[in-house]
N, C-alpha and C. Protein backbone atom coordinates (compact mmCIF):
# COMPACT_ATOMS: atom_id res chain seq x y z
N MET A 1 158.03 113.89 -77.20
CA MET A 1 157.21 115.08 -77.42
C MET A 1 158.12 116.25 -77.78
N CYS A 2 157.70 117.05 -78.75
CA CYS A 2 158.52 118.15 -79.23
C CYS A 2 158.77 119.20 -78.15
N GLY A 3 157.81 119.42 -77.29
CA GLY A 3 158.05 120.34 -76.18
C GLY A 3 157.28 121.63 -76.25
N ARG A 4 156.07 121.59 -76.83
CA ARG A 4 155.23 122.78 -76.83
C ARG A 4 153.77 122.34 -76.81
N PHE A 5 152.96 123.10 -76.05
CA PHE A 5 151.51 122.90 -76.12
C PHE A 5 150.83 124.22 -75.79
N ASN A 6 149.53 124.25 -75.94
CA ASN A 6 148.80 125.46 -75.57
C ASN A 6 147.54 125.10 -74.80
N LEU A 7 146.97 126.09 -74.15
CA LEU A 7 145.73 125.94 -73.39
C LEU A 7 144.92 127.20 -73.63
N ILE A 8 143.84 127.04 -74.38
CA ILE A 8 143.02 128.17 -74.81
C ILE A 8 141.58 127.94 -74.37
N ASP A 9 140.96 128.97 -73.82
CA ASP A 9 139.58 128.86 -73.40
C ASP A 9 138.70 128.50 -74.60
N SER A 10 137.90 127.46 -74.42
CA SER A 10 137.05 126.95 -75.50
C SER A 10 135.96 126.09 -74.89
N PRO A 11 134.91 125.76 -75.65
CA PRO A 11 133.90 124.84 -75.12
C PRO A 11 134.51 123.50 -74.72
N GLN A 12 135.53 123.05 -75.44
CA GLN A 12 136.15 121.77 -75.12
C GLN A 12 136.89 121.82 -73.78
N VAL A 13 137.60 122.92 -73.53
CA VAL A 13 138.31 123.08 -72.26
C VAL A 13 137.30 123.28 -71.12
N GLN A 14 136.24 124.01 -71.39
CA GLN A 14 135.20 124.19 -70.38
C GLN A 14 134.56 122.86 -69.99
N TRP A 15 134.39 121.97 -70.99
CA TRP A 15 133.83 120.65 -70.70
C TRP A 15 134.80 119.84 -69.86
N LEU A 16 136.10 119.94 -70.15
CA LEU A 16 137.11 119.25 -69.33
C LEU A 16 137.01 119.72 -67.87
N CYS A 17 136.90 121.02 -67.68
CA CYS A 17 136.81 121.58 -66.32
C CYS A 17 135.55 121.06 -65.60
N LYS A 18 134.43 121.08 -66.31
CA LYS A 18 133.19 120.61 -65.72
C LYS A 18 133.27 119.15 -65.36
N THR A 19 133.84 118.35 -66.25
CA THR A 19 133.96 116.93 -66.04
C THR A 19 134.84 116.61 -64.85
N LEU A 20 135.96 117.33 -64.71
CA LEU A 20 136.90 117.08 -63.63
C LEU A 20 136.53 117.82 -62.35
N GLY A 21 135.56 118.74 -62.43
CA GLY A 21 135.17 119.49 -61.24
C GLY A 21 136.22 120.49 -60.81
N ILE A 22 136.83 121.16 -61.78
CA ILE A 22 137.90 122.11 -61.47
C ILE A 22 137.61 123.45 -62.14
N GLU A 23 138.42 124.44 -61.81
CA GLU A 23 138.33 125.75 -62.43
C GLU A 23 139.72 126.21 -62.83
N LEU A 24 139.86 126.61 -64.09
CA LEU A 24 141.12 127.19 -64.56
C LEU A 24 141.01 128.70 -64.55
N TYR A 25 142.15 129.37 -64.47
CA TYR A 25 142.17 130.82 -64.39
C TYR A 25 142.93 131.42 -65.56
N ASP A 26 142.78 132.72 -65.74
CA ASP A 26 143.41 133.39 -66.86
C ASP A 26 144.91 133.13 -66.92
N GLU A 27 145.54 133.04 -65.75
CA GLU A 27 146.99 132.84 -65.70
C GLU A 27 147.44 131.51 -66.30
N HIS A 28 146.49 130.56 -66.39
CA HIS A 28 146.83 129.25 -66.94
C HIS A 28 146.72 129.19 -68.45
N GLU A 29 146.04 130.16 -69.05
CA GLU A 29 145.84 130.13 -70.49
C GLU A 29 147.05 130.72 -71.22
N SER A 30 147.41 130.07 -72.30
CA SER A 30 148.51 130.56 -73.13
C SER A 30 148.43 129.92 -74.49
N ARG A 31 148.71 130.70 -75.52
CA ARG A 31 148.70 130.17 -76.89
C ARG A 31 150.01 129.48 -77.24
N ASP A 32 151.01 129.54 -76.37
CA ASP A 32 152.26 128.86 -76.65
C ASP A 32 153.01 128.66 -75.33
N ILE A 33 153.11 127.42 -74.89
CA ILE A 33 153.80 127.07 -73.66
C ILE A 33 155.01 126.21 -74.02
N ALA A 34 156.17 126.64 -73.59
CA ALA A 34 157.41 125.92 -73.86
C ALA A 34 157.97 125.37 -72.55
N PRO A 35 158.85 124.36 -72.60
CA PRO A 35 159.44 123.82 -71.37
C PRO A 35 160.05 124.92 -70.51
N GLY A 36 159.82 124.81 -69.21
CA GLY A 36 160.29 125.81 -68.27
C GLY A 36 159.24 126.86 -67.96
N GLY A 37 158.16 126.88 -68.76
CA GLY A 37 157.09 127.83 -68.52
C GLY A 37 156.10 127.34 -67.45
N ASN A 38 155.15 128.20 -67.14
CA ASN A 38 154.13 127.85 -66.16
C ASN A 38 152.99 127.10 -66.81
N ILE A 39 152.53 126.06 -66.15
CA ILE A 39 151.41 125.27 -66.63
C ILE A 39 150.44 125.01 -65.48
N ALA A 40 149.25 124.56 -65.81
CA ALA A 40 148.27 124.16 -64.80
C ALA A 40 148.37 122.64 -64.60
N ILE A 41 148.33 122.20 -63.36
CA ILE A 41 148.26 120.77 -63.08
C ILE A 41 147.06 120.50 -62.19
N VAL A 42 146.39 119.39 -62.44
CA VAL A 42 145.26 118.96 -61.65
C VAL A 42 145.75 117.82 -60.77
N HIS A 43 145.60 117.97 -59.46
CA HIS A 43 146.08 116.94 -58.54
C HIS A 43 145.20 116.93 -57.31
N GLU A 44 145.51 116.05 -56.37
CA GLU A 44 144.75 115.99 -55.13
C GLU A 44 145.58 116.49 -53.96
N ARG A 45 144.91 117.21 -53.09
CA ARG A 45 145.56 117.71 -51.88
C ARG A 45 144.55 117.60 -50.75
N GLY A 46 144.91 116.79 -49.76
CA GLY A 46 143.99 116.58 -48.63
C GLY A 46 142.68 115.95 -49.05
N GLY A 47 142.75 115.11 -50.07
CA GLY A 47 141.55 114.43 -50.54
C GLY A 47 140.69 115.26 -51.47
N GLU A 48 141.10 116.50 -51.75
CA GLU A 48 140.34 117.39 -52.64
C GLU A 48 141.08 117.56 -53.96
N ARG A 49 140.34 117.66 -55.03
CA ARG A 49 140.91 117.89 -56.34
C ARG A 49 141.17 119.38 -56.53
N VAL A 50 142.40 119.76 -56.84
CA VAL A 50 142.78 121.16 -56.95
C VAL A 50 143.58 121.40 -58.22
N VAL A 51 143.67 122.67 -58.60
CA VAL A 51 144.51 123.10 -59.71
C VAL A 51 145.62 123.98 -59.16
N SER A 52 146.85 123.67 -59.52
CA SER A 52 147.99 124.47 -59.08
C SER A 52 148.80 124.89 -60.31
N THR A 53 149.54 125.96 -60.14
CA THR A 53 150.48 126.40 -61.16
C THR A 53 151.81 125.73 -60.92
N ALA A 54 152.39 125.13 -61.96
CA ALA A 54 153.65 124.42 -61.83
C ALA A 54 154.61 124.84 -62.93
N THR A 55 155.89 124.65 -62.66
CA THR A 55 156.91 124.84 -63.68
C THR A 55 156.99 123.56 -64.53
N TRP A 56 156.93 123.73 -65.85
CA TRP A 56 156.98 122.55 -66.71
C TRP A 56 158.43 122.07 -66.83
N TRP A 57 158.91 121.47 -65.75
CA TRP A 57 160.28 120.92 -65.69
C TRP A 57 160.38 120.24 -64.34
N LEU A 58 160.38 118.92 -64.31
CA LEU A 58 160.21 118.19 -63.06
C LEU A 58 161.35 118.42 -62.07
N PHE A 59 162.57 118.50 -62.56
CA PHE A 59 163.74 118.60 -61.67
C PHE A 59 164.21 120.05 -61.60
N LEU A 60 163.97 120.70 -60.46
CA LEU A 60 164.36 122.08 -60.25
C LEU A 60 165.65 122.15 -59.44
N ASP A 61 166.36 123.25 -59.59
CA ASP A 61 167.52 123.52 -58.76
C ASP A 61 167.05 123.81 -57.34
N ASN A 62 167.60 123.13 -56.36
CA ASN A 62 167.11 123.26 -54.99
C ASN A 62 167.31 124.65 -54.41
N GLU A 63 168.26 125.40 -54.91
CA GLU A 63 168.52 126.74 -54.40
C GLU A 63 167.67 127.79 -55.08
N THR A 64 167.63 127.77 -56.40
CA THR A 64 166.91 128.81 -57.14
C THR A 64 165.46 128.44 -57.43
N LEU A 65 165.14 127.14 -57.36
CA LEU A 65 163.83 126.62 -57.73
C LEU A 65 163.48 126.96 -59.18
N LYS A 66 164.50 127.05 -60.00
CA LYS A 66 164.37 127.21 -61.44
C LYS A 66 164.72 125.88 -62.11
N PRO A 67 164.32 125.68 -63.36
CA PRO A 67 164.65 124.41 -64.02
C PRO A 67 166.14 124.10 -63.97
N ASN A 68 166.45 122.87 -63.61
CA ASN A 68 167.83 122.40 -63.66
C ASN A 68 168.08 121.89 -65.07
N TYR A 69 168.76 122.71 -65.86
CA TYR A 69 168.90 122.40 -67.28
C TYR A 69 169.94 121.31 -67.56
N LYS A 70 170.56 120.77 -66.50
CA LYS A 70 171.45 119.64 -66.70
C LYS A 70 170.65 118.39 -67.08
N TYR A 71 169.38 118.41 -66.71
CA TYR A 71 168.51 117.24 -66.97
C TYR A 71 167.26 117.73 -67.69
N ALA A 72 166.99 117.16 -68.85
CA ALA A 72 165.78 117.55 -69.62
C ALA A 72 164.60 116.78 -69.05
N SER A 73 163.99 117.35 -68.01
CA SER A 73 162.96 116.63 -67.28
C SER A 73 161.55 117.18 -67.48
N PHE A 74 161.33 117.86 -68.63
CA PHE A 74 159.96 118.31 -68.91
C PHE A 74 159.11 117.14 -69.38
N ASN A 75 159.76 116.07 -69.83
CA ASN A 75 159.10 114.82 -70.15
C ASN A 75 159.64 113.72 -69.26
N SER A 76 158.82 112.71 -68.99
CA SER A 76 159.26 111.52 -68.25
C SER A 76 158.95 110.29 -69.10
N ARG A 77 159.97 109.61 -69.56
CA ARG A 77 159.77 108.46 -70.44
C ARG A 77 159.14 107.30 -69.68
N SER A 78 158.15 106.68 -70.33
CA SER A 78 157.43 105.60 -69.66
C SER A 78 158.33 104.41 -69.32
N ASP A 79 159.37 104.17 -70.12
CA ASP A 79 160.25 103.04 -69.83
C ASP A 79 161.16 103.28 -68.63
N LYS A 80 161.15 104.52 -68.11
CA LYS A 80 161.94 104.82 -66.93
C LYS A 80 161.12 104.80 -65.64
N LEU A 81 159.81 104.68 -65.77
CA LEU A 81 158.94 104.78 -64.60
C LEU A 81 159.11 103.62 -63.63
N PHE A 82 159.69 102.53 -64.09
CA PHE A 82 159.87 101.37 -63.24
C PHE A 82 161.33 101.17 -62.83
N SER A 83 162.15 102.15 -63.11
CA SER A 83 163.55 102.11 -62.72
C SER A 83 163.73 102.90 -61.41
N LYS A 84 164.17 102.24 -60.36
CA LYS A 84 164.27 102.89 -59.05
C LYS A 84 165.25 104.05 -59.03
N ARG A 85 166.16 104.10 -59.97
CA ARG A 85 167.15 105.18 -60.02
C ARG A 85 166.65 106.40 -60.79
N ALA A 86 165.50 106.24 -61.45
CA ALA A 86 164.98 107.33 -62.29
C ALA A 86 164.29 108.39 -61.43
N LEU A 87 164.38 109.64 -61.90
CA LEU A 87 163.76 110.76 -61.19
C LEU A 87 162.24 110.59 -61.10
N ALA A 88 161.65 109.95 -62.09
CA ALA A 88 160.20 109.82 -62.13
C ALA A 88 159.66 108.65 -61.33
N TYR A 89 160.53 107.79 -60.81
CA TYR A 89 160.07 106.58 -60.12
C TYR A 89 159.16 106.89 -58.95
N LYS A 90 159.57 107.74 -58.05
CA LYS A 90 158.77 108.05 -56.88
C LYS A 90 157.51 108.86 -57.22
N PRO A 91 157.61 109.91 -58.03
CA PRO A 91 156.39 110.65 -58.41
C PRO A 91 155.33 109.77 -59.08
N PHE A 92 155.77 108.80 -59.87
CA PHE A 92 154.81 107.93 -60.54
C PHE A 92 153.97 107.15 -59.53
N ARG A 93 154.53 106.92 -58.36
CA ARG A 93 153.83 106.18 -57.31
C ARG A 93 153.13 107.06 -56.30
N GLU A 94 153.54 108.31 -56.22
CA GLU A 94 153.01 109.17 -55.15
C GLU A 94 152.37 110.47 -55.61
N SER A 95 152.71 110.97 -56.77
CA SER A 95 152.23 112.31 -57.15
C SER A 95 152.00 112.42 -58.65
N ARG A 96 150.94 111.74 -59.08
CA ARG A 96 150.52 111.83 -60.48
C ARG A 96 149.56 113.00 -60.63
N CYS A 97 149.48 113.53 -61.84
CA CYS A 97 148.59 114.65 -62.09
C CYS A 97 148.07 114.60 -63.51
N LEU A 98 147.14 115.47 -63.80
CA LEU A 98 146.68 115.70 -65.17
C LEU A 98 147.10 117.11 -65.57
N ILE A 99 147.47 117.28 -66.84
CA ILE A 99 147.90 118.57 -67.35
C ILE A 99 146.98 118.93 -68.51
N PRO A 100 146.07 119.90 -68.32
CA PRO A 100 145.12 120.22 -69.38
C PRO A 100 145.76 120.99 -70.51
N ALA A 101 145.29 120.72 -71.73
CA ALA A 101 145.83 121.38 -72.92
C ALA A 101 144.76 121.41 -74.00
N SER A 102 144.97 122.29 -74.96
CA SER A 102 144.11 122.35 -76.14
C SER A 102 144.73 121.62 -77.32
N ALA A 103 146.05 121.76 -77.48
CA ALA A 103 146.76 121.14 -78.59
C ALA A 103 148.24 121.07 -78.25
N PHE A 104 148.98 120.27 -78.99
CA PHE A 104 150.42 120.23 -78.78
C PHE A 104 151.13 120.13 -80.13
N VAL A 105 152.43 120.35 -80.11
CA VAL A 105 153.25 120.34 -81.32
C VAL A 105 154.25 119.20 -81.24
N GLU A 106 154.39 118.50 -82.37
CA GLU A 106 155.41 117.47 -82.49
C GLU A 106 156.30 117.81 -83.70
N GLY A 107 157.59 117.52 -83.56
CA GLY A 107 158.53 117.74 -84.64
C GLY A 107 159.10 116.43 -85.16
N LEU A 108 159.38 116.39 -86.46
CA LEU A 108 159.91 115.18 -87.07
C LEU A 108 161.36 114.93 -86.65
N GLY A 109 162.05 115.99 -86.26
CA GLY A 109 163.45 115.85 -85.87
C GLY A 109 164.41 116.44 -86.88
N ASP A 110 163.86 116.96 -87.99
CA ASP A 110 164.71 117.56 -89.02
C ASP A 110 164.79 119.07 -88.90
N LYS A 111 164.22 119.61 -87.84
CA LYS A 111 164.21 121.05 -87.53
C LYS A 111 163.45 121.88 -88.58
N LYS A 112 162.58 121.23 -89.33
CA LYS A 112 161.78 121.99 -90.28
C LYS A 112 160.36 121.43 -90.46
N THR A 113 160.10 120.23 -89.96
CA THR A 113 158.79 119.61 -90.13
C THR A 113 158.09 119.51 -88.78
N TYR A 114 156.97 120.26 -88.65
CA TYR A 114 156.24 120.30 -87.38
C TYR A 114 154.74 120.15 -87.64
N HIS A 115 154.06 119.54 -86.68
CA HIS A 115 152.63 119.35 -86.78
C HIS A 115 151.95 119.74 -85.46
N LYS A 116 150.78 120.34 -85.60
CA LYS A 116 149.91 120.59 -84.43
C LYS A 116 148.95 119.41 -84.31
N ILE A 117 148.80 118.92 -83.09
CA ILE A 117 147.91 117.78 -82.85
C ILE A 117 146.80 118.20 -81.90
N GLU A 118 145.57 117.91 -82.29
CA GLU A 118 144.39 118.15 -81.45
C GLU A 118 143.58 116.85 -81.36
N LEU A 119 142.79 116.73 -80.34
CA LEU A 119 141.81 115.65 -80.26
C LEU A 119 140.49 116.19 -80.82
N GLU A 120 139.83 115.39 -81.65
CA GLU A 120 138.61 115.85 -82.30
C GLU A 120 137.54 116.18 -81.27
N ASN A 121 137.09 117.45 -81.28
CA ASN A 121 136.02 117.92 -80.41
C ASN A 121 136.30 117.67 -78.92
N SER A 122 137.56 117.76 -78.53
CA SER A 122 137.92 117.48 -77.15
C SER A 122 139.18 118.22 -76.74
N ALA A 123 139.22 118.60 -75.48
CA ALA A 123 140.47 119.08 -74.88
C ALA A 123 141.35 117.86 -74.59
N ILE A 124 142.54 118.12 -74.11
CA ILE A 124 143.51 117.06 -73.80
C ILE A 124 143.84 117.09 -72.33
N ALA A 125 143.95 115.91 -71.73
CA ALA A 125 144.44 115.79 -70.35
C ALA A 125 145.69 114.91 -70.41
N PHE A 126 146.86 115.53 -70.43
CA PHE A 126 148.10 114.76 -70.41
C PHE A 126 148.24 114.05 -69.06
N GLY A 127 148.76 112.85 -69.11
CA GLY A 127 149.13 112.17 -67.88
C GLY A 127 150.49 112.69 -67.44
N GLY A 128 150.55 113.25 -66.23
CA GLY A 128 151.77 113.88 -65.78
C GLY A 128 152.19 113.47 -64.38
N LEU A 129 153.37 113.92 -63.99
CA LEU A 129 153.92 113.71 -62.66
C LEU A 129 154.29 115.08 -62.09
N PHE A 130 154.25 115.21 -60.78
CA PHE A 130 154.66 116.48 -60.19
C PHE A 130 155.48 116.26 -58.93
N LYS A 131 156.23 117.29 -58.58
CA LYS A 131 157.02 117.32 -57.35
C LYS A 131 156.73 118.61 -56.61
N GLU A 132 156.97 118.57 -55.31
CA GLU A 132 156.80 119.76 -54.48
C GLU A 132 158.17 120.20 -53.94
N TYR A 133 158.41 121.50 -54.01
CA TYR A 133 159.62 122.10 -53.45
C TYR A 133 159.19 123.19 -52.47
N LEU A 134 159.96 123.36 -51.42
CA LEU A 134 159.66 124.39 -50.43
C LEU A 134 160.60 125.58 -50.62
N SER A 135 160.03 126.75 -50.84
CA SER A 135 160.84 127.96 -51.00
C SER A 135 161.40 128.38 -49.65
N LYS A 136 162.72 128.48 -49.58
CA LYS A 136 163.36 128.91 -48.33
C LYS A 136 163.07 130.37 -48.02
N GLU A 137 162.80 131.15 -49.06
CA GLU A 137 162.54 132.57 -48.86
C GLU A 137 161.12 132.86 -48.39
N SER A 138 160.16 132.27 -49.09
CA SER A 138 158.76 132.59 -48.79
C SER A 138 158.06 131.54 -47.95
N GLY A 139 158.61 130.33 -47.93
CA GLY A 139 157.97 129.23 -47.20
C GLY A 139 156.84 128.60 -47.97
N GLU A 140 156.60 129.06 -49.19
CA GLU A 140 155.51 128.51 -49.98
C GLU A 140 155.95 127.27 -50.74
N VAL A 141 154.96 126.45 -51.10
CA VAL A 141 155.22 125.26 -51.88
C VAL A 141 155.28 125.62 -53.36
N ILE A 142 156.34 125.19 -54.03
CA ILE A 142 156.51 125.40 -55.47
C ILE A 142 156.35 124.05 -56.15
N TYR A 143 155.55 124.03 -57.20
CA TYR A 143 155.30 122.78 -57.90
C TYR A 143 156.10 122.74 -59.22
N SER A 144 156.52 121.53 -59.56
CA SER A 144 157.13 121.26 -60.86
C SER A 144 156.44 120.05 -61.45
N ALA A 145 156.51 119.90 -62.76
CA ALA A 145 155.77 118.80 -63.39
C ALA A 145 156.40 118.37 -64.70
N SER A 146 156.07 117.16 -65.12
CA SER A 146 156.51 116.65 -66.41
C SER A 146 155.36 115.88 -67.04
N ILE A 147 155.44 115.69 -68.35
CA ILE A 147 154.46 114.90 -69.10
C ILE A 147 155.07 113.54 -69.41
N ILE A 148 154.33 112.48 -69.12
CA ILE A 148 154.81 111.14 -69.42
C ILE A 148 154.75 110.91 -70.94
N THR A 149 155.83 110.38 -71.48
CA THR A 149 155.85 110.07 -72.92
C THR A 149 155.95 108.57 -73.14
N LEU A 150 155.26 108.11 -74.17
CA LEU A 150 155.18 106.70 -74.52
C LEU A 150 156.02 106.42 -75.77
N PRO A 151 156.19 105.16 -76.13
CA PRO A 151 156.79 104.86 -77.42
C PRO A 151 155.93 105.46 -78.53
N PRO A 152 156.49 105.67 -79.71
CA PRO A 152 155.72 106.30 -80.80
C PRO A 152 154.58 105.41 -81.28
N LEU A 153 153.58 106.04 -81.82
CA LEU A 153 152.45 105.35 -82.42
C LEU A 153 152.85 104.92 -83.82
N ARG A 154 152.99 103.64 -84.05
CA ARG A 154 153.44 103.14 -85.34
C ARG A 154 152.30 102.47 -86.13
N PRO A 155 152.25 102.70 -87.44
CA PRO A 155 153.14 103.54 -88.27
C PRO A 155 152.65 104.97 -88.40
N GLN A 156 151.50 105.31 -87.78
CA GLN A 156 150.88 106.62 -87.99
C GLN A 156 151.78 107.78 -87.61
N TRP A 157 152.68 107.56 -86.68
CA TRP A 157 153.48 108.65 -86.13
C TRP A 157 154.83 108.80 -86.82
N ASP A 158 155.14 107.93 -87.78
CA ASP A 158 156.46 107.90 -88.39
C ASP A 158 156.87 109.22 -89.02
N GLU A 159 155.91 109.93 -89.64
CA GLU A 159 156.22 111.19 -90.31
C GLU A 159 155.83 112.39 -89.47
N ILE A 160 155.54 112.15 -88.19
CA ILE A 160 155.16 113.25 -87.29
C ILE A 160 156.19 113.40 -86.19
N HIS A 161 156.38 112.35 -85.42
CA HIS A 161 157.40 112.36 -84.36
C HIS A 161 157.74 110.91 -84.02
N PRO A 162 158.76 110.34 -84.66
CA PRO A 162 159.02 108.92 -84.55
C PRO A 162 159.64 108.48 -83.23
N LYS A 163 159.82 109.41 -82.29
CA LYS A 163 160.46 109.04 -81.03
C LYS A 163 159.49 108.75 -79.91
N SER A 164 158.38 109.48 -79.84
CA SER A 164 157.49 109.31 -78.70
C SER A 164 156.11 109.89 -78.94
N LEU A 165 155.19 109.53 -78.05
CA LEU A 165 153.83 110.04 -78.05
C LEU A 165 153.49 110.41 -76.61
N PRO A 166 152.95 111.60 -76.35
CA PRO A 166 152.60 111.94 -74.97
C PRO A 166 151.42 111.09 -74.47
N LEU A 167 151.45 110.76 -73.19
CA LEU A 167 150.34 110.04 -72.58
C LEU A 167 149.14 110.97 -72.45
N MET A 168 148.01 110.55 -73.00
CA MET A 168 146.78 111.31 -72.88
C MET A 168 145.75 110.44 -72.16
N ILE A 169 145.18 110.99 -71.10
CA ILE A 169 144.22 110.27 -70.25
C ILE A 169 142.79 110.61 -70.68
N ASP A 170 141.93 109.63 -70.73
CA ASP A 170 140.51 109.87 -71.01
C ASP A 170 139.88 110.50 -69.77
N PHE A 171 139.77 111.82 -69.77
CA PHE A 171 139.28 112.50 -68.57
C PHE A 171 137.79 112.29 -68.31
N GLU A 172 137.10 111.68 -69.29
CA GLU A 172 135.69 111.36 -69.07
C GLU A 172 135.51 110.00 -68.40
N ASP A 173 136.60 109.27 -68.20
CA ASP A 173 136.58 108.01 -67.48
C ASP A 173 136.77 108.32 -65.99
N GLU A 174 135.67 108.48 -65.28
CA GLU A 174 135.70 108.94 -63.89
C GLU A 174 136.52 108.01 -62.99
N ASP A 175 136.36 106.70 -63.16
CA ASP A 175 137.09 105.75 -62.33
C ASP A 175 138.59 105.84 -62.59
N LEU A 176 138.99 105.93 -63.84
CA LEU A 176 140.40 106.03 -64.18
C LEU A 176 141.01 107.30 -63.60
N VAL A 177 140.33 108.42 -63.77
CA VAL A 177 140.84 109.70 -63.24
C VAL A 177 141.00 109.62 -61.73
N ALA A 178 140.02 109.05 -61.04
CA ALA A 178 140.08 108.95 -59.58
C ALA A 178 141.27 108.11 -59.15
N ARG A 179 141.52 107.01 -59.84
CA ARG A 179 142.66 106.15 -59.49
C ARG A 179 143.98 106.82 -59.82
N TRP A 180 144.02 107.53 -60.94
CA TRP A 180 145.24 108.22 -61.36
C TRP A 180 145.64 109.31 -60.38
N LEU A 181 144.67 110.06 -59.90
CA LEU A 181 144.97 111.20 -59.04
C LEU A 181 145.09 110.82 -57.54
N ASP A 182 144.71 109.62 -57.19
CA ASP A 182 144.76 109.18 -55.80
C ASP A 182 146.21 109.02 -55.35
N SER A 183 146.69 109.92 -54.51
CA SER A 183 148.08 109.88 -54.08
C SER A 183 148.40 108.70 -53.19
N SER A 184 147.38 108.07 -52.62
CA SER A 184 147.62 106.88 -51.79
C SER A 184 147.63 105.60 -52.61
N ASN A 185 147.35 105.70 -53.89
CA ASN A 185 147.30 104.55 -54.77
C ASN A 185 148.66 104.32 -55.41
N ASP A 186 149.44 103.42 -54.84
CA ASP A 186 150.79 103.16 -55.38
C ASP A 186 150.83 101.88 -56.20
N ASP A 187 149.67 101.30 -56.51
CA ASP A 187 149.61 100.10 -57.33
C ASP A 187 149.69 100.52 -58.80
N VAL A 188 150.90 100.83 -59.25
CA VAL A 188 151.07 101.38 -60.59
C VAL A 188 150.97 100.32 -61.69
N GLU A 189 151.01 99.06 -61.31
CA GLU A 189 150.87 98.01 -62.33
C GLU A 189 149.53 98.13 -63.06
N GLN A 190 148.52 98.66 -62.37
CA GLN A 190 147.20 98.80 -62.98
C GLN A 190 147.23 99.81 -64.14
N PHE A 191 148.25 100.67 -64.19
CA PHE A 191 148.33 101.68 -65.24
C PHE A 191 149.15 101.21 -66.44
N ALA A 192 149.63 99.99 -66.40
CA ALA A 192 150.44 99.46 -67.51
C ALA A 192 149.74 99.59 -68.87
N PRO A 193 148.43 99.30 -68.96
CA PRO A 193 147.78 99.45 -70.28
C PRO A 193 147.83 100.88 -70.82
N LEU A 194 147.90 101.87 -69.92
CA LEU A 194 147.95 103.27 -70.38
C LEU A 194 149.28 103.59 -71.03
N LEU A 195 150.29 102.79 -70.75
CA LEU A 195 151.64 103.09 -71.23
C LEU A 195 151.92 102.49 -72.59
N GLU A 196 150.90 101.94 -73.22
CA GLU A 196 150.99 101.47 -74.60
C GLU A 196 150.43 102.56 -75.52
N PRO A 197 151.15 102.94 -76.57
CA PRO A 197 150.66 104.01 -77.44
C PRO A 197 149.34 103.63 -78.12
N THR A 198 148.38 104.52 -78.01
CA THR A 198 147.08 104.25 -78.60
C THR A 198 146.38 105.57 -78.89
N VAL A 199 145.36 105.51 -79.73
CA VAL A 199 144.55 106.69 -80.05
C VAL A 199 143.30 106.63 -79.19
N ILE A 200 143.21 107.48 -78.17
CA ILE A 200 142.04 107.42 -77.29
C ILE A 200 140.83 108.12 -77.92
N LYS A 201 141.12 109.11 -78.79
CA LYS A 201 140.08 109.80 -79.54
C LYS A 201 140.71 110.20 -80.88
N PRO A 202 139.91 110.33 -81.94
CA PRO A 202 140.47 110.75 -83.23
C PRO A 202 141.32 112.01 -83.11
N MET A 203 142.46 112.01 -83.78
CA MET A 203 143.39 113.12 -83.70
C MET A 203 143.40 113.90 -85.01
N LYS A 204 143.31 115.21 -84.90
CA LYS A 204 143.40 116.10 -86.05
C LYS A 204 144.82 116.61 -86.14
N ILE A 205 145.47 116.36 -87.26
CA ILE A 205 146.88 116.69 -87.46
C ILE A 205 146.99 117.79 -88.50
N THR A 206 147.73 118.87 -88.16
CA THR A 206 147.90 119.99 -89.08
C THR A 206 149.35 120.38 -89.15
N LYS A 207 149.90 120.38 -90.35
CA LYS A 207 151.30 120.81 -90.52
C LYS A 207 151.39 122.31 -90.31
N ILE A 208 152.40 122.75 -89.55
CA ILE A 208 152.58 124.16 -89.23
C ILE A 208 153.99 124.61 -89.63
N ASP A 209 154.19 125.94 -89.61
CA ASP A 209 155.49 126.45 -90.03
C ASP A 209 156.55 126.34 -88.95
N LYS A 210 156.29 126.92 -87.77
CA LYS A 210 157.24 126.90 -86.68
C LYS A 210 156.52 126.57 -85.37
N PRO A 211 157.19 125.87 -84.45
CA PRO A 211 156.52 125.49 -83.20
C PRO A 211 155.99 126.65 -82.40
N SER A 212 156.70 127.78 -82.39
CA SER A 212 156.28 128.91 -81.58
C SER A 212 155.21 129.77 -82.24
N ARG A 213 154.95 129.53 -83.52
CA ARG A 213 153.99 130.37 -84.25
C ARG A 213 152.68 129.66 -84.55
N TRP A 214 152.72 128.35 -84.71
CA TRP A 214 151.52 127.54 -84.85
C TRP A 214 150.73 127.85 -86.13
N ASN A 215 151.35 128.44 -87.14
CA ASN A 215 150.63 128.80 -88.37
C ASN A 215 150.45 127.58 -89.28
N PRO A 216 149.22 127.20 -89.63
CA PRO A 216 149.01 126.06 -90.52
C PRO A 216 149.51 126.35 -91.93
N ILE A 217 150.12 125.35 -92.57
CA ILE A 217 150.63 125.52 -93.93
C ILE A 217 150.08 124.45 -94.87
N GLU A 218 149.34 123.48 -94.34
CA GLU A 218 148.70 122.47 -95.18
C GLU A 218 147.36 122.11 -94.58
N LYS A 219 146.53 121.43 -95.35
CA LYS A 219 145.23 120.99 -94.86
C LYS A 219 145.44 119.91 -93.78
N SER A 220 144.50 119.87 -92.85
CA SER A 220 144.56 118.90 -91.77
C SER A 220 144.16 117.51 -92.25
N PHE A 221 144.62 116.51 -91.53
CA PHE A 221 144.17 115.14 -91.78
C PHE A 221 143.92 114.47 -90.42
N MET A 222 143.27 113.31 -90.45
CA MET A 222 142.87 112.64 -89.21
C MET A 222 143.61 111.32 -89.01
N ILE A 223 143.88 111.02 -87.75
CA ILE A 223 144.33 109.69 -87.35
C ILE A 223 143.25 109.16 -86.40
N VAL A 224 142.64 108.08 -86.77
CA VAL A 224 141.50 107.59 -85.99
C VAL A 224 141.79 106.32 -85.23
N LYS A 225 142.88 105.64 -85.55
CA LYS A 225 143.21 104.42 -84.80
C LYS A 225 144.69 104.04 -85.03
């Protein structure tokens, strides 16, 4: 994943909230979110579904609780989820979350070709992982999170981002969402089918000028399967 997404109030995002039984706040909305920024995560706490603000960087410095830039942990690669030495191994089994979004940006890798990706008539629920840190100063819990990335979608993704595809969860699948957010559910083998790149809903692709500006420069096209 290139490392940018946005979350904008819209009928599609409102439907996501209604479907998940959550409420987002103004502080969660942004037209441009980059790694290290604040994002909304949907998770369970005490058996209740809640929304928390998290730093989009899974591994924080234990002293400052700021992103530890020695490790690029805003994404968690799916092929590392089953490695006991990986940072994402434990969160994948104990603290999964959903990360709501309106659209995201992918780069080809040449530092000049970028595309905005949206789901047709739908918001996005990224499949994510989160960690909890305790602030020594305030005593409050600080959340951090990452987005799980899959192998690229071939051949459709070759000219968009040939390295990876973010995991997107069908938030209208009530049973799947319940199992994904259940912190007591450590049977992660059941999620193996989710880790195969696929198109869960038709995707609208628009070439843009720069990741931080999101300005379209060509007509959109669709990827439907």
